[in-house]
Amino acid sequence: MKAVIFAAGEGKRLLPLTLECPKPLVFVLGKPLIQHIWEALPDTIDEVVIVVGYKSGMMRDFLKDEFMGKCVTYVEQKEPLGTAHALKICRPHLENEKKFLLMYADDLHGASAIKQCTEHESALLVHFVDDPRRFGVVVTNEDGTIKNIEEKPEHPKSNLAVTGVYVLTPKIFEYESTHAQNGEYFLTGMIEGYIRHNPMLVIESDFWIPIAYPYDIVHAEEILLGLPHADE
């Protein structure tokens, strides 16, 4: 099974840490973020298609053609045209697959939840958060599939936040994204079309740490070390 990892962005919110290296190579507790992500991938993933852009040469130098026993295929996103575009340029590597895993090179995840996702034809990993207003928010049907996803709602209908981990089939390429901002097209529109015709199971994760700002790294390291947090 293949995994797709989006790793092309400049990581502007993580400045100044991303001045000299791409975000996936920023260190968290002694090793690059991308290595943490790699270690959470199930054994069933034998190839990773990684979308690179900003300082892509550093990513290639680090991962090479194989990293931690998994083959690496690079897809270059030459312009910042959004996540929908990033997925579409991966299509030649995915259209003959039964299903594939999709995730971002931004966050720390628990391995068991990702593995659980890959056991289904279509699945989305979510996490319960106290204030979901800055995330995509999922409302579920009674059978545990997605009813709808609201992007950063002011009045969320649930506390289940989208973590950016999906299992999809190549049918996703039948749908277009209509969500555009500053010339970028986002995956949300494609997902909305996909779930109307392809039931997607919601899997709740017990471990998710989004990494957006430098203070998120400090917070993540505290969690990984089992240290108390200032907000507790």
Protein backbone atom coordinates (compact mmCIF):
# COMPACT_ATOMS: atom_id res chain seq x y z
CA MET A 1 0.00 0.00 0.00
CA LYS A 2 1.19 3.52 -0.79
CA ALA A 3 1.13 6.62 1.37
CA VAL A 4 1.08 10.19 0.12
CA ILE A 5 2.65 12.86 2.32
CA PHE A 6 2.26 16.57 1.55
CA ALA A 7 5.56 18.28 2.36
CA ALA A 8 5.85 21.14 -0.12
CA GLY A 9 4.89 24.18 1.96
CA GLU A 10 7.23 26.88 3.21
CA GLY A 11 6.13 26.57 6.83
CA LYS A 12 5.89 30.34 7.25
CA ARG A 13 4.18 30.13 10.63
CA LEU A 14 7.16 28.16 11.91
CA LEU A 15 9.63 30.95 11.15
CA PRO A 16 12.47 31.47 11.93
CA LEU A 17 12.97 27.68 12.18
CA THR A 18 12.14 27.20 8.51
CA LEU A 19 14.54 29.81 7.17
CA GLU A 20 17.29 27.23 6.74
CA CYS A 21 15.34 24.00 6.26
CA PRO A 22 11.87 22.79 5.20
CA LYS A 23 9.32 22.25 7.94
CA PRO A 24 9.48 18.41 7.83
CA LEU A 25 13.17 18.59 8.75
CA VAL A 26 12.66 20.79 11.81
CA PHE A 27 13.72 18.83 14.87
CA VAL A 28 11.25 17.65 17.50
CA LEU A 29 12.83 15.92 20.48
CA GLY A 30 16.09 15.16 18.72
CA LYS A 31 14.88 14.06 15.29
CA PRO A 32 13.18 15.61 12.26
CA LEU A 33 9.40 15.87 12.20
CA ILE A 34 9.26 13.71 9.06
CA GLN A 35 11.00 10.88 10.90
CA HIS A 36 8.38 10.94 13.64
CA ILE A 37 5.71 10.74 10.93
CA TRP A 38 7.53 7.90 9.16
CA GLU A 39 7.75 5.91 12.39
CA ALA A 40 3.96 6.11 12.75
CA LEU A 41 3.33 4.55 9.32
CA PRO A 42 2.01 0.97 9.35
CA ASP A 43 4.16 -1.89 8.09
CA THR A 44 1.69 -2.34 5.22
CA ILE A 45 2.96 0.93 3.71
CA ASP A 46 5.83 -0.05 1.43
CA GLU A 47 6.11 3.13 -0.67
CA VAL A 48 5.73 6.79 0.20
CA VAL A 49 4.90 9.34 -2.49
CA ILE A 50 6.08 12.62 -1.03
CA VAL A 51 5.11 15.98 -2.49
CA VAL A 52 8.05 18.36 -2.13
CA GLY A 53 8.57 22.01 -3.03
CA TYR A 54 10.28 24.39 -0.63
CA LYS A 55 13.95 23.38 -0.24
CA SER A 56 13.14 20.05 -1.89
CA GLY A 57 16.82 19.19 -2.31
CA MET A 58 17.19 18.92 1.46
CA MET A 59 14.25 16.52 1.60
CA ARG A 60 15.78 14.37 -1.14
CA ASP A 61 19.15 14.36 0.62
CA PHE A 62 17.56 13.24 3.88
CA LEU A 63 15.09 10.60 2.66
CA LYS A 64 17.01 9.46 -0.47
CA ASP A 65 15.35 6.67 -2.52
CA GLU A 66 14.54 4.60 0.56
CA PHE A 67 14.02 5.61 4.16
CA MET A 68 13.50 3.25 7.08
CA GLY A 69 12.69 0.37 4.75
CA LYS A 70 10.11 2.19 2.62
CA CYS A 71 10.65 3.25 -1.00
CA VAL A 72 10.42 6.98 -1.62
CA THR A 73 8.95 8.57 -4.75
CA TYR A 74 9.18 12.35 -5.14
CA VAL A 75 6.58 14.57 -6.80
CA GLU A 76 7.57 18.21 -7.21
CA GLN A 77 4.96 20.91 -6.63
CA LYS A 78 6.67 23.82 -8.36
CA GLU A 79 4.05 26.42 -7.43
CA PRO A 80 2.00 26.76 -4.23
CA LEU A 81 -1.32 25.85 -5.81
CA GLY A 82 -2.83 24.12 -2.79
CA THR A 83 -3.48 20.64 -1.46
CA ALA A 84 -5.99 19.67 -4.16
CA HIS A 85 -3.32 20.37 -6.76
CA ALA A 86 -0.75 18.47 -4.68
CA LEU A 87 -2.94 15.37 -4.73
CA LYS A 88 -3.75 15.66 -8.43
CA ILE A 89 -0.08 15.69 -9.44
CA CYS A 90 0.32 12.40 -7.55
CA ARG A 91 -2.39 10.74 -9.65
CA PRO A 92 -0.03 8.81 -11.99
CA HIS A 93 1.38 7.01 -8.95
CA LEU A 94 -2.03 6.22 -7.41
CA GLU A 95 -4.65 5.55 -10.08
CA ASN A 96 -3.91 1.81 -10.19
CA GLU A 97 -4.03 1.39 -6.41
CA LYS A 98 -7.06 -0.04 -4.57
CA LYS A 99 -6.62 2.59 -1.86
CA PHE A 100 -3.93 4.80 -0.38
CA LEU A 101 -3.09 6.67 2.79
CA LEU A 102 -2.88 10.48 2.67
CA MET A 103 -1.41 12.72 5.35
CA TYR A 104 0.49 15.94 5.93
CA ALA A 105 4.08 16.41 7.06
CA ASP A 106 2.87 18.79 9.76
CA ASP A 107 1.67 16.79 12.73
CA LEU A 108 2.54 14.00 15.14
CA HIS A 109 0.19 11.01 15.14
CA GLY A 110 -0.28 7.76 17.01
CA ALA A 111 0.66 4.70 14.98
CA SER A 112 -2.26 2.53 16.12
CA ALA A 113 -4.94 4.93 14.85
CA ILE A 114 -3.26 5.28 11.45
CA LYS A 115 -3.06 1.50 11.19
CA GLN A 116 -6.75 1.25 12.04
CA CYS A 117 -7.58 3.69 9.24
CA THR A 118 -5.68 1.65 6.67
CA GLU A 119 -7.82 -1.39 7.45
CA HIS A 120 -10.80 0.31 5.76
CA GLU A 121 -11.47 1.30 2.16
CA SER A 122 -12.22 4.93 3.05
CA ALA A 123 -11.54 6.49 6.42
CA LEU A 124 -10.74 9.77 8.12
CA LEU A 125 -8.81 10.18 11.35
CA VAL A 126 -10.31 12.71 13.76
CA HIS A 127 -9.42 13.90 17.24
CA PHE A 128 -11.62 15.25 20.03
CA VAL A 129 -10.64 18.83 20.85
CA ASP A 130 -12.12 21.27 23.36
CA ASP A 131 -12.24 24.18 20.89
CA PRO A 132 -12.55 22.96 17.29
CA ARG A 133 -13.18 26.36 15.68
CA ARG A 134 -9.75 26.56 14.03
CA PHE A 135 -10.07 23.11 12.45
CA GLY A 136 -12.26 21.28 10.01
CA VAL A 137 -15.08 19.81 12.11
CA VAL A 138 -16.73 16.47 11.38
CA VAL A 139 -20.37 15.56 11.95
CA THR A 140 -21.05 11.83 11.79
CA ASN A 141 -23.97 9.68 10.75
CA GLU A 142 -25.37 7.05 13.11
CA ASP A 143 -23.29 4.36 11.39
CA GLY A 144 -20.02 6.20 12.11
CA THR A 145 -19.48 7.57 8.61
CA ILE A 146 -19.06 11.24 7.77
CA LYS A 147 -22.22 13.28 7.34
CA ASN A 148 -20.39 16.52 6.58
CA ILE A 149 -17.26 18.54 7.27
CA GLU A 150 -17.41 22.21 8.25
CA GLU A 151 -14.25 24.25 7.77
CA LYS A 152 -13.40 26.36 10.84
CA PRO A 153 -17.02 26.97 11.89
CA GLU A 154 -17.83 29.73 14.36
CA HIS A 155 -20.41 27.46 15.99
CA PRO A 156 -19.13 23.87 15.67
CA LYS A 157 -21.67 21.05 15.65
CA SER A 158 -19.19 18.60 17.15
CA ASN A 159 -15.76 18.47 18.80
CA LEU A 160 -14.25 16.09 16.24
CA ALA A 161 -11.42 17.84 14.40
CA VAL A 162 -10.02 16.70 11.08
CA THR A 163 -6.41 15.60 11.60
CA GLY A 164 -5.51 15.42 7.92
CA VAL A 165 -5.09 11.64 7.78
CA TYR A 166 -7.25 9.95 5.14
CA VAL A 167 -7.57 6.59 3.45
CA LEU A 168 -8.95 7.15 -0.05
CA THR A 169 -9.52 5.26 -3.27
CA PRO A 170 -8.58 6.64 -6.71
CA LYS A 171 -12.23 7.68 -7.07
CA ILE A 172 -11.16 10.89 -5.31
CA PHE A 173 -9.79 12.08 -8.64
CA GLU A 174 -13.33 12.22 -10.04
CA TYR A 175 -14.03 15.30 -7.92
CA GLU A 176 -12.85 18.88 -8.25
CA SER A 177 -12.07 21.41 -5.57
CA THR A 178 -14.07 24.62 -5.62
CA HIS A 179 -12.46 25.98 -2.46
CA ALA A 180 -9.89 28.51 -3.59
CA GLN A 181 -7.97 31.18 -1.70
CA ASN A 182 -5.15 33.30 -3.07
CA GLY A 183 -4.84 31.00 -6.07
CA GLU A 184 -4.66 27.82 -3.98
CA TYR A 185 -7.18 24.99 -4.31
CA PHE A 186 -7.78 22.93 -1.21
CA LEU A 187 -8.52 19.26 -0.65
CA THR A 188 -11.73 20.01 1.24
CA GLY A 189 -13.78 20.42 -1.95
CA MET A 190 -12.60 17.10 -3.37
CA ILE A 191 -13.36 15.35 -0.08
CA GLU A 192 -16.86 16.85 0.05
CA GLY A 193 -17.65 15.41 -3.37
CA TYR A 194 -16.06 12.08 -2.54
CA ILE A 195 -18.02 11.44 0.66
CA ARG A 196 -21.35 12.07 -1.09
CA HIS A 197 -20.84 8.88 -3.07
CA ASN A 198 -18.26 6.95 -1.04
CA PRO A 199 -19.05 6.32 2.64
CA MET A 200 -16.04 7.30 4.74
CA LEU A 201 -15.64 5.86 8.21
CA VAL A 202 -14.57 8.15 11.05
CA ILE A 203 -11.77 6.82 13.26
CA GLU A 204 -11.08 8.71 16.49
CA SER A 205 -7.42 9.05 17.44
CA ASP A 206 -6.12 9.34 20.99
CA PHE A 207 -2.87 11.06 19.97
CA TRP A 208 -2.51 14.08 17.69
CA ILE A 209 -0.20 17.07 18.03
CA PRO A 210 -0.51 19.71 15.28
CA ILE A 211 2.76 21.52 14.64
CA ALA A 212 2.18 25.03 13.29
CA TYR A 213 4.18 27.46 15.43
CA PRO A 214 7.50 27.25 17.29
CA TYR A 215 5.68 27.00 20.63
CA ASP A 216 3.91 23.86 19.30
CA ILE A 217 7.29 22.13 19.20
CA VAL A 218 7.92 22.98 22.84
CA HIS A 219 4.46 21.66 23.71
CA ALA A 220 5.01 18.50 21.66
CA GLU A 221 8.33 17.78 23.36
CA GLU A 222 6.71 18.18 26.76
CA ILE A 223 4.04 15.66 25.81
CA LEU A 224 6.54 13.21 24.35
CA LEU A 225 8.64 13.46 27.50
CA GLY A 226 5.57 13.09 29.71
CA LEU A 227 6.13 16.46 31.33
CA PRO A 228 3.34 18.58 32.85
CA HIS A 229 2.00 21.40 30.68
CA ALA A 230 1.38 25.00 31.56
CA ASP A 231 -2.29 24.70 30.61
CA GLU A 232 -2.97 21.83 32.98
